[in-house]
Amino acid sequence: LGKTDADELLRGGKRLPDNMPGHAQEFETAIAMAKFPENVRADALADQPDRSPALATAEQGNEWFERVTGRLVKFVGEVIDGQRQSETPPYHP
């Protein structure tokens, strides 16, 4: 995914928090809310200096997931169809 996706989907901005490594950010939290919400602790979202994870939603996570999987399916399909071939490297004995 690229800058356009981040601009469209991230509400908390694209700056890394000062306390890295830390907990999951908005992107990871949104994916977790969409795909395994039972593992997301709402109390942990509210109890940290970086507020961007609290902006995450399950809907946002589903959109991220759909974009990632859609582009991956397209890329693999192009590889299988021969549209994405790497140059054959020279043989070095």
N, C-alpha and C. Protein backbone atom coordinates (compact mmCIF):
# COMPACT_ATOMS: atom_id res chain seq x y z
N LEU A 1 0.83 -1.18 0.00
CA LEU A 1 0.00 0.00 0.00
C LEU A 1 0.87 1.24 0.00
N GLY A 2 0.29 2.34 -0.33
CA GLY A 2 1.10 3.54 -0.47
C GLY A 2 0.57 4.74 0.28
N LYS A 3 1.14 5.89 -0.05
CA LYS A 3 0.80 7.14 0.61
C LYS A 3 -0.67 7.49 0.43
N THR A 4 -1.22 7.23 -0.75
CA THR A 4 -2.63 7.54 -0.98
C THR A 4 -3.52 6.77 -0.02
N ASP A 5 -3.21 5.48 0.17
CA ASP A 5 -3.99 4.67 1.10
C ASP A 5 -3.89 5.23 2.52
N ALA A 6 -2.68 5.57 2.93
CA ALA A 6 -2.48 6.13 4.27
C ALA A 6 -3.24 7.44 4.42
N ASP A 7 -3.17 8.30 3.40
CA ASP A 7 -3.87 9.58 3.45
C ASP A 7 -5.38 9.37 3.58
N GLU A 8 -5.90 8.35 2.90
CA GLU A 8 -7.34 8.11 2.91
C GLU A 8 -7.81 7.44 4.20
N LEU A 9 -6.99 6.59 4.79
CA LEU A 9 -7.47 5.76 5.89
C LEU A 9 -6.95 6.11 7.27
N LEU A 10 -5.76 6.68 7.39
CA LEU A 10 -5.22 6.97 8.71
C LEU A 10 -5.70 8.32 9.21
N ARG A 11 -6.40 8.31 10.31
CA ARG A 11 -6.91 9.56 10.88
C ARG A 11 -5.92 10.18 11.86
N GLY A 12 -5.01 9.36 12.40
CA GLY A 12 -4.07 9.85 13.39
C GLY A 12 -2.78 10.38 12.82
N GLY A 13 -2.68 10.43 11.51
CA GLY A 13 -1.45 10.90 10.89
C GLY A 13 -0.49 9.75 10.62
N LYS A 14 0.67 10.09 10.10
CA LYS A 14 1.63 9.05 9.69
C LYS A 14 2.96 9.19 10.39
N ARG A 15 2.99 9.87 11.52
CA ARG A 15 4.23 10.06 12.26
C ARG A 15 4.38 8.95 13.29
N LEU A 16 5.58 8.40 13.40
CA LEU A 16 5.83 7.39 14.42
C LEU A 16 5.82 8.04 15.80
N PRO A 17 5.29 7.34 16.79
CA PRO A 17 5.28 7.91 18.14
C PRO A 17 6.69 7.99 18.71
N ASP A 18 6.87 8.89 19.66
CA ASP A 18 8.18 9.08 20.28
C ASP A 18 8.60 7.91 21.17
N ASN A 19 7.65 7.14 21.66
CA ASN A 19 7.96 6.07 22.60
C ASN A 19 8.06 4.70 21.92
N MET A 20 8.67 4.66 20.75
CA MET A 20 8.84 3.38 20.04
C MET A 20 9.97 2.59 20.68
N PRO A 21 9.95 1.28 20.72
CA PRO A 21 8.79 0.49 20.32
C PRO A 21 7.70 0.59 21.37
N GLY A 22 6.50 0.59 20.91
CA GLY A 22 5.37 0.70 21.82
C GLY A 22 4.31 -0.32 21.45
N HIS A 23 3.10 0.06 21.66
CA HIS A 23 1.98 -0.82 21.39
C HIS A 23 1.56 -0.64 19.92
N ALA A 24 0.59 -1.40 19.49
CA ALA A 24 0.08 -1.28 18.12
C ALA A 24 -0.43 0.13 17.87
N GLN A 25 -0.28 0.59 16.65
CA GLN A 25 -0.75 1.91 16.26
C GLN A 25 -2.12 1.79 15.60
N GLU A 26 -2.56 2.83 14.97
CA GLU A 26 -3.90 2.87 14.38
C GLU A 26 -4.10 1.76 13.35
N PHE A 27 -3.13 1.58 12.45
CA PHE A 27 -3.25 0.56 11.40
C PHE A 27 -3.42 -0.83 11.98
N GLU A 28 -2.50 -1.22 12.88
CA GLU A 28 -2.54 -2.57 13.46
C GLU A 28 -3.79 -2.77 14.32
N THR A 29 -4.16 -1.74 15.05
CA THR A 29 -5.34 -1.84 15.91
C THR A 29 -6.60 -2.01 15.07
N ALA A 30 -6.70 -1.28 13.97
CA ALA A 30 -7.86 -1.40 13.09
C ALA A 30 -7.97 -2.81 12.51
N ILE A 31 -6.85 -3.38 12.07
CA ILE A 31 -6.86 -4.75 11.54
C ILE A 31 -7.30 -5.72 12.63
N ALA A 32 -6.76 -5.56 13.83
CA ALA A 32 -7.13 -6.44 14.94
C ALA A 32 -8.62 -6.31 15.27
N MET A 33 -9.14 -5.10 15.28
CA MET A 33 -10.57 -4.90 15.57
C MET A 33 -11.45 -5.58 14.54
N ALA A 34 -10.99 -5.59 13.29
CA ALA A 34 -11.77 -6.20 12.22
C ALA A 34 -11.67 -7.72 12.21
N LYS A 35 -10.49 -8.25 12.48
CA LYS A 35 -10.26 -9.68 12.27
C LYS A 35 -10.24 -10.52 13.55
N PHE A 36 -9.87 -9.95 14.68
CA PHE A 36 -9.91 -10.69 15.95
C PHE A 36 -10.20 -9.72 17.10
N PRO A 37 -11.41 -9.17 17.10
CA PRO A 37 -11.77 -8.14 18.08
C PRO A 37 -11.70 -8.61 19.53
N GLU A 38 -11.82 -9.90 19.74
CA GLU A 38 -11.76 -10.42 21.11
C GLU A 38 -10.38 -10.22 21.75
N ASN A 39 -9.38 -9.93 20.94
CA ASN A 39 -8.02 -9.71 21.46
C ASN A 39 -7.67 -8.24 21.66
N VAL A 40 -8.58 -7.35 21.32
CA VAL A 40 -8.33 -5.91 21.47
C VAL A 40 -8.84 -5.46 22.83
N ARG A 41 -7.96 -4.88 23.61
CA ARG A 41 -8.32 -4.38 24.94
C ARG A 41 -8.58 -2.88 24.87
N ALA A 42 -9.84 -2.50 24.97
CA ALA A 42 -10.21 -1.09 24.89
C ALA A 42 -9.55 -0.28 25.99
N ASP A 43 -9.37 -0.88 27.16
CA ASP A 43 -8.73 -0.15 28.26
C ASP A 43 -7.27 0.19 27.93
N ALA A 44 -6.61 -0.67 27.17
CA ALA A 44 -5.21 -0.42 26.79
C ALA A 44 -5.12 0.72 25.77
N LEU A 45 -6.15 0.88 24.95
CA LEU A 45 -6.16 1.98 23.98
C LEU A 45 -6.19 3.33 24.67
N ALA A 46 -6.91 3.40 25.75
CA ALA A 46 -7.07 4.67 26.46
C ALA A 46 -5.91 4.98 27.40
N ASP A 47 -5.09 3.98 27.68
CA ASP A 47 -4.06 4.12 28.71
C ASP A 47 -2.65 4.16 28.13
N GLN A 48 -2.41 5.05 27.16
CA GLN A 48 -1.07 5.21 26.61
C GLN A 48 -0.91 6.63 26.06
N PRO A 49 0.32 7.10 26.01
CA PRO A 49 0.54 8.49 25.58
C PRO A 49 0.11 8.76 24.14
N ASP A 50 0.34 7.81 23.25
CA ASP A 50 -0.02 7.98 21.84
C ASP A 50 -1.51 7.65 21.68
N ARG A 51 -2.28 8.60 21.22
CA ARG A 51 -3.73 8.41 21.13
C ARG A 51 -4.17 7.84 19.79
N SER A 52 -3.27 7.67 18.81
CA SER A 52 -3.71 7.24 17.48
C SER A 52 -4.39 5.87 17.47
N PRO A 53 -4.00 4.89 18.29
CA PRO A 53 -4.71 3.62 18.25
C PRO A 53 -6.20 3.75 18.60
N ALA A 54 -6.54 4.72 19.43
CA ALA A 54 -7.94 4.91 19.81
C ALA A 54 -8.79 5.41 18.65
N LEU A 55 -8.17 5.87 17.57
CA LEU A 55 -8.90 6.33 16.39
C LEU A 55 -9.30 5.17 15.48
N ALA A 56 -8.75 3.99 15.72
CA ALA A 56 -9.00 2.84 14.85
C ALA A 56 -10.43 2.34 14.98
N THR A 57 -10.95 1.81 13.87
CA THR A 57 -12.27 1.19 13.86
C THR A 57 -12.20 -0.13 13.11
N ALA A 58 -13.15 -1.01 13.37
CA ALA A 58 -13.22 -2.27 12.65
C ALA A 58 -13.48 -2.03 11.16
N GLU A 59 -14.29 -1.03 10.85
CA GLU A 59 -14.57 -0.72 9.45
C GLU A 59 -13.30 -0.31 8.73
N GLN A 60 -12.49 0.50 9.39
CA GLN A 60 -11.21 0.92 8.83
C GLN A 60 -10.32 -0.30 8.62
N GLY A 61 -10.29 -1.20 9.59
CA GLY A 61 -9.49 -2.43 9.48
C GLY A 61 -9.93 -3.29 8.32
N ASN A 62 -11.24 -3.40 8.12
CA ASN A 62 -11.74 -4.17 6.98
C ASN A 62 -11.32 -3.53 5.67
N GLU A 63 -11.33 -2.22 5.60
CA GLU A 63 -10.90 -1.53 4.37
C GLU A 63 -9.42 -1.76 4.10
N TRP A 64 -8.58 -1.66 5.14
CA TRP A 64 -7.15 -1.97 4.98
C TRP A 64 -6.99 -3.39 4.48
N PHE A 65 -7.67 -4.32 5.13
CA PHE A 65 -7.54 -5.74 4.77
C PHE A 65 -7.97 -5.98 3.33
N GLU A 66 -9.08 -5.38 2.91
CA GLU A 66 -9.55 -5.55 1.53
C GLU A 66 -8.55 -4.98 0.53
N ARG A 67 -7.97 -3.84 0.83
CA ARG A 67 -6.99 -3.25 -0.08
C ARG A 67 -5.74 -4.12 -0.19
N VAL A 68 -5.24 -4.57 0.94
CA VAL A 68 -4.03 -5.41 0.94
C VAL A 68 -4.29 -6.71 0.19
N THR A 69 -5.36 -7.42 0.54
CA THR A 69 -5.61 -8.71 -0.10
C THR A 69 -5.97 -8.54 -1.57
N GLY A 70 -6.70 -7.49 -1.92
CA GLY A 70 -7.05 -7.25 -3.32
C GLY A 70 -5.82 -7.03 -4.18
N ARG A 71 -4.89 -6.25 -3.68
CA ARG A 71 -3.66 -5.98 -4.44
C ARG A 71 -2.75 -7.20 -4.48
N LEU A 72 -2.75 -7.97 -3.42
CA LEU A 72 -1.94 -9.19 -3.40
C LEU A 72 -2.49 -10.20 -4.40
N VAL A 73 -3.80 -10.38 -4.43
CA VAL A 73 -4.43 -11.30 -5.39
C VAL A 73 -4.11 -10.86 -6.81
N LYS A 74 -4.21 -9.56 -7.08
CA LYS A 74 -3.90 -9.05 -8.42
C LYS A 74 -2.44 -9.31 -8.79
N PHE A 75 -1.52 -9.03 -7.86
CA PHE A 75 -0.10 -9.22 -8.11
C PHE A 75 0.22 -10.69 -8.39
N VAL A 76 -0.29 -11.59 -7.55
CA VAL A 76 -0.01 -13.03 -7.74
C VAL A 76 -0.62 -13.50 -9.05
N GLY A 77 -1.81 -13.03 -9.39
CA GLY A 77 -2.42 -13.39 -10.67
C GLY A 77 -1.56 -12.96 -11.85
N GLU A 78 -0.98 -11.77 -11.76
CA GLU A 78 -0.10 -11.29 -12.82
C GLU A 78 1.18 -12.12 -12.91
N VAL A 79 1.69 -12.56 -11.78
CA VAL A 79 2.87 -13.44 -11.78
C VAL A 79 2.52 -14.76 -12.46
N ILE A 80 1.39 -15.34 -12.09
CA ILE A 80 0.97 -16.62 -12.67
C ILE A 80 0.74 -16.49 -14.17
N ASP A 81 0.15 -15.38 -14.60
CA ASP A 81 -0.14 -15.16 -16.02
C ASP A 81 1.09 -14.76 -16.83
N GLY A 82 2.23 -14.58 -16.17
CA GLY A 82 3.46 -14.23 -16.87
C GLY A 82 3.63 -12.74 -17.14
N GLN A 83 2.77 -11.92 -16.55
CA GLN A 83 2.86 -10.48 -16.77
C GLN A 83 3.95 -9.83 -15.92
N ARG A 84 4.40 -10.51 -14.91
CA ARG A 84 5.44 -9.97 -14.01
C ARG A 84 6.60 -10.95 -13.97
N GLN A 85 7.43 -10.88 -14.97
CA GLN A 85 8.59 -11.76 -15.02
C GLN A 85 9.86 -10.98 -14.77
N SER A 86 10.67 -11.52 -13.91
CA SER A 86 11.98 -10.92 -13.66
C SER A 86 12.92 -11.34 -14.77
N GLU A 87 13.92 -10.51 -14.99
CA GLU A 87 14.94 -10.91 -15.95
C GLU A 87 15.68 -12.11 -15.39
N THR A 88 16.04 -13.03 -16.28
CA THR A 88 16.81 -14.18 -15.85
C THR A 88 18.24 -13.73 -15.58
N PRO A 89 18.71 -13.96 -14.36
CA PRO A 89 20.08 -13.53 -14.06
C PRO A 89 21.09 -14.37 -14.83
N PRO A 90 22.23 -13.80 -15.13
CA PRO A 90 23.26 -14.57 -15.84
C PRO A 90 23.75 -15.72 -14.94
N TYR A 91 24.14 -16.78 -15.59
CA TYR A 91 24.64 -17.95 -14.86
C TYR A 91 26.07 -17.69 -14.42
N HIS A 92 26.32 -17.91 -13.15
CA HIS A 92 27.67 -17.77 -12.59
C HIS A 92 28.07 -19.08 -11.94
N PRO A 93 28.95 -19.85 -12.61
CA PRO A 93 29.34 -21.15 -12.02
C PRO A 93 30.17 -21.01 -10.76
